[in-house]
Amino acid sequence: MNMQKKNAMSSGSNVFLFLDFFHKPNYNIFMIVCQAYRFKLKTDRKIEEKLYQFSGCCRFVRNKALAIIKDRLLSQSIDKTINQRIITRYKKSAMLPNYYDLARMLIFWKSTDEYNFLKDVHSQILQQTLKDLDAAIKSAFTKGNGIRFPKFKKKQRDKNSFRYPQGFSVKDNRVYLPKIGWVRFFKSQEIDGKIRNVTVEQYADGWYISIVTKKR
C-alpha cells in the first residue's frame, strides 16, 4: 500500500492530496485524487477593481470575526453589533463562536447601514472565509500539530485572495465568477476531473485562478 501511494505521488507535480483509500472485499482499491491547476487571468481595470473589492471584503470579514473570537478568549467586551441571544451564549465558559455563529453575525452585519457594502460581494466567498477561519482556529486548539492561532490579515502584507466553493463555471478558457462575470484566462493545459472549487489570487505579475479538481 505504501509503495503504491509513493509511486502515485511521484507521477505528477500537480497532485497534492489523496483523500481516501476504499477497500472492498475483493481487495480492489479506489483512490480519489485532488489536483490543482493555476492559470493567469486576462483582466482589465474594471475586473481588477472587483477582484480588489472582493478580496478586501473577505479580509474585513475574517478580521472582524477573528477580533470577536480573540475578545472572547481574552475575556474582553464582545462586539456590540451582534444580537443579545448570541452574546448570552458567549458568556458560557469554554464556548467560542463557531462557523454557524459567525455566519449569523455576517447576515446581521450585511443588514446594517455601516456594513451594507458586504452585499455587493458574493455571499459564498464570505461564508467560505468564515469556514476557513473556523477550521484554522480548531486546528490551533488541536494539541501536537504545531499550528499557531490565526493572525489578523493586513493589506500590505498578505496576499489578496478569495475562494468560490460553488456557483462558478469553467468553459474552455473562460471562468464565470458570480457577481464579477466571465473572465478569460491563459489556458496552458487541459483540466482533468470534476471541479471542486476555484480560488482567485493576486501575485506580483497579476491575478491568477486556481482550479481544484477531484477524480478517481
Protein backbone atom coordinates (compact mmCIF):
# COMPACT_ATOMS: atom_id res chain seq x y z
CA MET A 1 0.00 0.00 0.00
CA ASN A 2 2.76 2.47 0.96
CA MET A 3 4.70 1.72 -2.23
CA GLN A 4 1.55 2.29 -4.37
CA LYS A 5 0.91 5.61 -2.67
CA LYS A 6 4.53 6.70 -3.07
CA ASN A 7 4.55 5.86 -6.77
CA ALA A 8 1.26 7.69 -7.33
CA MET A 9 2.52 10.84 -5.61
CA SER A 10 5.62 10.97 -7.81
CA SER A 11 3.62 10.73 -11.03
CA GLY A 12 2.76 14.45 -11.29
CA SER A 13 3.66 17.70 -9.55
CA ASN A 14 0.06 18.93 -9.57
CA VAL A 15 -1.22 16.06 -7.42
CA PHE A 16 -1.26 17.33 -3.86
CA LEU A 17 -3.78 15.34 -1.83
CA PHE A 18 -5.10 11.81 -1.53
CA LEU A 19 -8.47 11.87 0.13
CA ASP A 20 -9.03 8.22 0.87
CA PHE A 21 -8.49 4.57 0.03
CA PHE A 22 -11.55 2.33 -0.13
CA HIS A 23 -11.10 -1.39 0.47
CA LYS A 24 -13.62 -3.80 -0.99
CA PRO A 25 -13.98 -7.48 -0.09
CA ASN A 26 -12.30 -8.38 -3.38
CA TYR A 27 -9.35 -6.14 -2.41
CA ASN A 28 -9.87 -3.65 -5.24
CA ILE A 29 -8.59 -0.19 -4.31
CA PHE A 30 -10.23 3.07 -5.39
CA MET A 31 -8.12 6.17 -4.98
CA ILE A 32 -9.59 9.69 -5.02
CA VAL A 33 -7.07 12.32 -6.07
CA CYS A 34 -7.31 16.10 -5.89
CA GLN A 35 -5.37 18.08 -8.46
CA ALA A 36 -4.72 21.83 -8.75
CA TYR A 37 -4.36 23.90 -11.91
CA ARG A 38 -3.29 27.53 -11.95
CA PHE A 39 -3.87 29.93 -14.85
CA LYS A 40 -3.26 33.64 -15.24
CA LEU A 41 -6.40 35.73 -15.70
CA LYS A 42 -6.85 38.21 -18.53
CA THR A 43 -8.07 41.21 -16.57
CA ASP A 44 -8.85 44.84 -17.27
CA ARG A 45 -9.27 47.78 -14.89
CA LYS A 46 -12.96 47.09 -14.26
CA ILE A 47 -12.38 43.42 -13.43
CA GLU A 48 -9.40 44.20 -11.19
CA GLU A 49 -11.47 46.71 -9.22
CA LYS A 50 -13.94 43.91 -8.50
CA LEU A 51 -11.17 41.50 -7.53
CA TYR A 52 -9.69 44.01 -5.09
CA GLN A 53 -13.16 44.73 -3.69
CA PHE A 54 -13.98 41.06 -3.15
CA SER A 55 -10.65 40.17 -1.57
CA GLY A 56 -10.83 43.27 0.64
CA CYS A 57 -14.29 42.34 1.91
CA CYS A 58 -13.14 38.81 2.69
CA ARG A 59 -10.20 40.18 4.64
CA PHE A 60 -12.51 42.58 6.50
CA VAL A 61 -14.98 39.81 7.47
CA ARG A 62 -12.18 37.49 8.57
CA ASN A 63 -10.52 40.13 10.73
CA LYS A 64 -13.81 41.21 12.28
CA ALA A 65 -14.75 37.63 13.14
CA LEU A 66 -11.26 36.93 14.48
CA ALA A 67 -11.47 40.03 16.70
CA ILE A 68 -14.69 38.71 18.26
CA ILE A 69 -13.09 35.34 18.95
CA LYS A 70 -10.00 36.95 20.46
CA ASP A 71 -12.19 39.17 22.62
CA ARG A 72 -13.86 36.04 23.98
CA LEU A 73 -10.52 34.39 24.66
CA LEU A 74 -9.19 37.48 26.41
CA SER A 75 -12.45 38.00 28.35
CA GLN A 76 -12.84 41.42 26.80
CA SER A 77 -16.02 43.11 25.61
CA ILE A 78 -17.96 41.39 22.83
CA ASP A 79 -18.59 43.18 19.54
CA LYS A 80 -21.70 45.30 20.06
CA THR A 81 -23.09 44.67 16.58
CA ILE A 82 -24.25 41.12 17.38
CA ASN A 83 -27.61 40.32 18.87
CA GLN A 84 -28.31 39.66 22.55
CA ARG A 85 -29.08 35.97 22.16
CA ILE A 86 -25.62 35.25 20.76
CA ILE A 87 -23.98 37.41 23.46
CA THR A 88 -25.64 35.27 26.15
CA ARG A 89 -24.20 32.14 24.57
CA TYR A 90 -20.68 33.59 24.60
CA LYS A 91 -20.83 34.06 28.37
CA LYS A 92 -20.71 30.31 28.83
CA SER A 93 -17.26 29.06 29.77
CA ALA A 94 -15.14 27.30 27.13
CA MET A 95 -17.52 28.42 24.40
CA LEU A 96 -16.23 30.12 21.27
CA PRO A 97 -18.31 31.21 18.28
CA ASN A 98 -18.20 28.53 15.60
CA TYR A 99 -18.83 28.90 11.87
CA TYR A 100 -22.63 28.92 12.26
CA ASP A 101 -22.44 31.69 14.88
CA LEU A 102 -20.14 33.71 12.62
CA ALA A 103 -22.43 33.15 9.63
CA ARG A 104 -25.36 34.58 11.61
CA MET A 105 -23.23 37.59 12.51
CA LEU A 106 -22.42 38.04 8.83
CA ILE A 107 -26.13 38.18 7.99
CA PHE A 108 -26.62 40.84 10.65
CA TRP A 109 -23.62 42.90 9.52
CA LYS A 110 -24.95 42.95 5.96
CA SER A 111 -28.29 44.27 7.24
CA THR A 112 -26.69 47.34 8.88
CA ASP A 113 -26.02 50.68 7.19
CA GLU A 114 -22.40 50.56 8.33
CA TYR A 115 -21.59 47.24 6.67
CA ASN A 116 -24.14 47.00 3.86
CA PHE A 117 -21.25 47.22 1.35
CA LEU A 118 -20.81 43.50 2.03
CA LYS A 119 -23.99 42.90 -0.01
CA ASP A 120 -22.05 43.80 -3.16
CA VAL A 121 -19.88 40.71 -2.70
CA HIS A 122 -21.00 37.15 -3.41
CA SER A 123 -22.16 35.65 -0.12
CA GLN A 124 -20.46 32.29 -0.58
CA ILE A 125 -16.92 33.68 -0.69
CA LEU A 126 -17.60 35.48 2.61
CA GLN A 127 -19.04 32.29 4.09
CA GLN A 128 -16.05 30.33 2.84
CA THR A 129 -13.75 32.84 4.54
CA LEU A 130 -15.52 32.17 7.84
CA LYS A 131 -15.32 28.39 7.29
CA ASP A 132 -11.58 28.64 6.70
CA LEU A 133 -11.16 30.75 9.84
CA ASP A 134 -13.20 28.27 11.90
CA ALA A 135 -11.05 25.39 10.63
CA ALA A 136 -7.84 27.31 11.41
CA ILE A 137 -8.96 28.01 14.97
CA LYS A 138 -9.91 24.38 15.56
CA SER A 139 -6.50 23.31 14.26
CA ALA A 140 -4.78 25.76 16.59
CA PHE A 141 -6.53 24.16 19.57
CA THR A 142 -5.53 20.65 18.48
CA LYS A 143 -2.57 19.56 20.57
CA GLY A 144 0.60 18.39 18.89
CA ASN A 145 0.07 19.71 15.37
CA GLY A 146 2.26 22.81 15.81
CA ILE A 147 -0.29 25.15 14.18
CA ARG A 148 -0.44 28.62 15.68
CA PHE A 149 -3.51 30.71 16.33
CA PRO A 150 -4.58 32.75 13.27
CA LYS A 151 -3.33 36.32 12.91
CA PHE A 152 -5.10 39.35 11.52
CA LYS A 153 -4.58 39.81 7.78
CA LYS A 154 -3.07 43.05 6.54
CA LYS A 155 -3.50 44.56 3.10
CA GLN A 156 0.20 45.36 2.74
CA ARG A 157 1.45 42.01 4.00
CA ASP A 158 -0.98 39.28 3.00
CA LYS A 159 -1.90 38.12 -0.48
CA ASN A 160 -5.26 39.16 -1.92
CA SER A 161 -7.38 36.06 -2.45
CA PHE A 162 -10.87 34.58 -2.17
CA ARG A 163 -12.45 31.22 -2.96
CA TYR A 164 -15.71 30.11 -4.56
CA PRO A 165 -16.93 26.74 -3.23
CA GLN A 166 -19.71 26.67 -5.86
CA GLY A 167 -21.67 28.86 -8.26
CA PHE A 168 -18.73 29.24 -10.65
CA SER A 169 -18.43 27.78 -14.15
CA VAL A 170 -15.46 26.96 -16.37
CA LYS A 171 -15.82 26.75 -20.16
CA ASP A 172 -12.80 26.49 -22.44
CA ASN A 173 -10.56 29.43 -21.48
CA ARG A 174 -13.21 31.33 -19.52
CA VAL A 175 -14.32 31.19 -15.90
CA TYR A 176 -17.57 32.58 -14.56
CA LEU A 177 -17.17 34.25 -11.16
CA PRO A 178 -20.53 35.16 -9.55
CA LYS A 179 -21.08 38.94 -9.23
CA ILE A 180 -17.99 39.53 -11.38
CA GLY A 181 -18.88 37.80 -14.64
CA TRP A 182 -16.99 35.83 -17.26
CA VAL A 183 -13.21 36.29 -17.19
CA ARG A 184 -10.79 34.84 -19.73
CA PHE A 185 -7.56 33.14 -18.71
CA PHE A 186 -4.42 31.79 -20.38
CA LYS A 187 -5.16 28.07 -20.62
CA SER A 188 -1.83 26.27 -20.74
CA GLN A 189 -3.20 22.75 -20.19
CA GLU A 190 -6.43 20.78 -20.14
CA ILE A 191 -8.38 20.48 -16.89
CA ASP A 192 -8.94 16.88 -15.86
CA GLY A 193 -11.53 15.79 -13.29
CA LYS A 194 -14.59 17.27 -11.61
CA ILE A 195 -14.02 20.83 -10.41
CA ARG A 196 -14.47 21.25 -6.65
CA ASN A 197 -13.66 24.93 -6.13
CA VAL A 198 -11.84 27.89 -7.63
CA THR A 199 -9.59 30.38 -5.86
CA VAL A 200 -8.67 33.83 -7.16
CA GLU A 201 -5.25 35.05 -6.02
CA GLN A 202 -3.03 38.03 -6.75
CA TYR A 203 0.68 37.61 -7.41
CA ALA A 204 3.38 40.11 -8.34
CA ASP A 205 2.67 39.73 -12.07
CA GLY A 206 -1.10 39.73 -11.94
CA TRP A 207 -4.23 37.80 -10.92
CA TYR A 208 -4.49 34.02 -11.17
CA ILE A 209 -7.24 31.42 -10.91
CA SER A 210 -6.51 28.15 -9.10
CA ILE A 211 -8.86 25.32 -10.03
CA VAL A 212 -9.03 22.24 -7.81
CA THR A 213 -10.42 19.04 -9.34
CA LYS A 214 -11.29 15.60 -7.98
CA LYS A 215 -11.10 12.30 -9.79
CA ARG A 216 -10.77 8.58 -9.14
